C-alpha atoms as a PDB file:
ATOM      1  CA  MET A   1     -12.329  12.049  -3.162  1.00  0.00           C
ATOM      2  CA  CYS A   2      -8.661  12.354  -2.275  1.00  0.00           C
ATOM      3  CA  LYS A   3      -7.847  14.113   0.975  1.00  0.00           C
ATOM      4  CA  GLY A   4      -4.098  14.050   0.485  1.00  0.00           C
ATOM      5  CA  GLN A   5      -1.148  11.866  -0.258  1.00  0.00           C
ATOM      6  CA  ALA A   6      -0.041   8.919   1.870  1.00  0.00           C
ATOM      7  CA  VAL A   7       3.301   9.438   3.619  1.00  0.00           C
ATOM      8  CA  ALA A   8       6.020   6.978   2.547  1.00  0.00           C
ATOM      9  CA  THR A   9       9.079   6.496   4.755  1.00  0.00           C
ATOM     10  CA  ALA A  10      11.997   4.376   3.526  1.00  0.00           C
ATOM     11  CA  LEU A  11      13.027   1.985   6.289  1.00  0.00           C
ATOM     12  CA  ILE A  12      15.892   0.290   4.440  1.00  0.00           C
ATOM     13  CA  SER A  13      17.705   1.912   1.548  1.00  0.00           C
ATOM     14  CA  ASP A  14      20.423   0.726  -0.846  1.00  0.00           C
ATOM     15  CA  ASP A  15      19.763  -2.943  -0.128  1.00  0.00           C
ATOM     16  CA  ASP A  16      20.362  -5.138  -3.181  1.00  0.00           C
ATOM     17  CA  ARG A  17      17.654  -7.662  -2.233  1.00  0.00           C
ATOM     18  CA  THR A  18      14.761  -5.690  -0.753  1.00  0.00           C
ATOM     19  CA  ARG A  19      13.275  -2.233  -0.511  1.00  0.00           C
ATOM     20  CA  VAL A  20      11.234  -1.755   2.660  1.00  0.00           C
ATOM     21  CA  THR A  21       8.884   1.220   2.953  1.00  0.00           C
ATOM     22  CA  ARG A  22       6.347   2.220   5.592  1.00  0.00           C
ATOM     23  CA  PHE A  23       3.167   3.915   4.366  1.00  0.00           C
ATOM     24  CA  ASP A  24       0.954   6.005   6.664  1.00  0.00           C
ATOM     25  CA  PHE A  25      -2.446   7.163   5.433  1.00  0.00           C
ATOM     26  CA  ALA A  26      -4.703   9.756   7.018  1.00  0.00           C
ATOM     27  CA  PRO A  27      -8.401   9.029   6.399  1.00  0.00           C
ATOM     28  CA  GLY A  28      -9.146   9.580   2.704  1.00  0.00           C
ATOM     29  CA  SER A  29      -5.494   9.825   1.626  1.00  0.00           C
ATOM     30  CA  GLU A  30      -4.073   7.702  -1.183  1.00  0.00           C
ATOM     31  CA  THR A  31      -0.873   6.520  -2.832  1.00  0.00           C
ATOM     32  CA  GLY A  32      -1.782   7.835  -6.258  1.00  0.00           C
ATOM     33  CA  TRP A  33      -1.744   5.637  -9.363  1.00  0.00           C
ATOM     34  CA  HIS A  34       1.419   3.549  -9.673  1.00  0.00           C
ATOM     35  CA  VAL A  35       2.837   0.247 -10.962  1.00  0.00           C
ATOM     36  CA  HIS A  36       5.304  -1.907  -9.021  1.00  0.00           C
ATOM     37  CA  GLU A  37       8.435  -3.041 -10.860  1.00  0.00           C
ATOM     38  CA  TYR A  38       8.917  -5.938  -8.417  1.00  0.00           C
ATOM     39  CA  ASP A  39       6.800  -8.517  -6.601  1.00  0.00           C
ATOM     40  CA  TYR A  40       6.104  -7.333  -3.066  1.00  0.00           C
ATOM     41  CA  VAL A  41       4.795  -8.270   0.375  1.00  0.00           C
ATOM     42  CA  ILE A  42       2.513  -6.113   2.553  1.00  0.00           C
ATOM     43  CA  VAL A  43       2.425  -6.303   6.373  1.00  0.00           C
ATOM     44  CA  THR A  44      -0.434  -4.315   7.902  1.00  0.00           C
ATOM     45  CA  LEU A  45       0.484  -2.418  11.085  1.00  0.00           C
ATOM     46  CA  THR A  46      -3.059  -1.222  11.797  1.00  0.00           C
ATOM     47  CA  ASP A  47      -6.485  -2.404  10.766  1.00  0.00           C
ATOM     48  CA  CYS A  48      -6.657  -1.182   7.162  1.00  0.00           C
ATOM     49  CA  SER A  49      -9.966  -0.174   5.616  1.00  0.00           C
ATOM     50  CA  MET A  50      -8.418  -0.297   2.172  1.00  0.00           C
ATOM     51  CA  LYS A  51      -9.924   0.677  -1.156  1.00  0.00           C
ATOM     52  CA  MET A  52      -7.948  -0.565  -4.158  1.00  0.00           C
ATOM     53  CA  ARG A  53      -8.615   0.982  -7.559  1.00  0.00           C
ATOM     54  CA  GLU A  54      -7.397  -0.654 -10.768  1.00  0.00           C
ATOM     55  CA  PRO A  55      -7.823   0.336 -14.427  1.00  0.00           C
ATOM     56  CA  GLY A  56     -11.218  -0.210 -16.022  1.00  0.00           C
ATOM     57  CA  ASP A  57     -13.140   1.243 -13.078  1.00  0.00           C
ATOM     58  CA  VAL A  58     -12.330  -1.828 -10.963  1.00  0.00           C
ATOM     59  CA  GLU A  59     -12.664  -0.986  -7.275  1.00  0.00           C
ATOM     60  CA  LYS A  60     -12.333  -3.321  -4.290  1.00  0.00           C
ATOM     61  CA  GLU A  61     -12.843  -2.327  -0.673  1.00  0.00           C
ATOM     62  CA  THR A  62     -11.869  -4.564   2.220  1.00  0.00           C
ATOM     63  CA  LEU A  63     -10.959  -4.445   5.906  1.00  0.00           C
ATOM     64  CA  ILE A  64      -7.570  -6.066   6.461  1.00  0.00           C
ATOM     65  CA  PRO A  65      -6.767  -6.727  10.148  1.00  0.00           C
ATOM     66  CA  ALA A  66      -3.526  -5.492  11.729  1.00  0.00           C
ATOM     67  CA  GLY A  67      -0.753  -8.085  11.439  1.00  0.00           C
ATOM     68  CA  THR A  68      -1.973  -9.526   8.139  1.00  0.00           C
ATOM     69  CA  VAL A  69       0.710 -10.438   5.585  1.00  0.00           C
ATOM     70  CA  TYR A  70       0.002 -10.862   1.876  1.00  0.00           C
ATOM     71  CA  ARG A  71       1.904 -10.887  -1.423  1.00  0.00           C
ATOM     72  CA  ARG A  72       1.158  -9.232  -4.776  1.00  0.00           C
ATOM     73  CA  ASP A  73       2.704  -9.592  -8.217  1.00  0.00           C
ATOM     74  CA  LYS A  74       4.515  -6.796 -10.005  1.00  0.00           C
ATOM     75  CA  GLY A  75       3.022  -4.951 -12.948  1.00  0.00           C
ATOM     76  CA  ILE A  76      -0.526  -4.219 -11.742  1.00  0.00           C
ATOM     77  CA  GLU A  77      -1.462  -0.532 -11.960  1.00  0.00           C
ATOM     78  CA  HIS A  78      -3.392   0.569  -8.886  1.00  0.00           C
ATOM     79  CA  ASN A  79      -4.193   3.307  -6.378  1.00  0.00           C
ATOM     80  CA  VAL A  80      -4.560   2.505  -2.654  1.00  0.00           C
ATOM     81  CA  ILE A  81      -6.940   4.682  -0.617  1.00  0.00           C
ATOM     82  CA  ASN A  82      -7.680   4.744   3.114  1.00  0.00           C
ATOM     83  CA  ALA A  83     -11.462   4.310   3.060  1.00  0.00           C
ATOM     84  CA  GLY A  84     -11.738   4.329   6.861  1.00  0.00           C
ATOM     85  CA  ALA A  85     -12.146   6.994   9.525  1.00  0.00           C
ATOM     86  CA  SER A  86      -8.830   6.149  11.265  1.00  0.00           C
ATOM     87  CA  GLN A  87      -5.124   6.259  10.409  1.00  0.00           C
ATOM     88  CA  MET A  88      -4.018   3.299   8.259  1.00  0.00           C
ATOM     89  CA  SER A  89      -0.409   2.019   8.147  1.00  0.00           C
ATOM     90  CA  PHE A  90       1.431  -0.839   6.471  1.00  0.00           C
ATOM     91  CA  VAL A  91       4.950  -1.894   5.524  1.00  0.00           C
ATOM     92  CA  GLU A  92       5.702  -2.793   1.913  1.00  0.00           C
ATOM     93  CA  ILE A  93       8.638  -5.097   1.130  1.00  0.00           C
ATOM     94  CA  GLU A  94       9.647  -5.091  -2.528  1.00  0.00           C
ATOM     95  CA  LEU A  95      11.585  -8.195  -3.612  1.00  0.00           C
ATOM     96  CA  LEU A  96      14.328  -6.854  -5.874  1.00  0.00           C
ATOM     97  CA  GLU A  97      15.764 -10.240  -6.875  1.00  0.00           C
END
């Protein structure tokens, strides 16, 4: 059950190559369903007890340690939820080129 919306803060704007955004999630908050137009990289700032929902009732839950970096492809519809009891934060770097 959603307990609110994640807070997104643009860190770099109007850059032709990247869009960098910090996301902060209270326990139970989520991004809401969305699709990325660009490939992107995630850098976790805190331990992230992350639940990822995708179409077709696909749901994955994992604990991603602080400092982890991973990449995802554009075009995948999903909703990210903080499944933990603590604040969860990460930086998302969209690759615009």
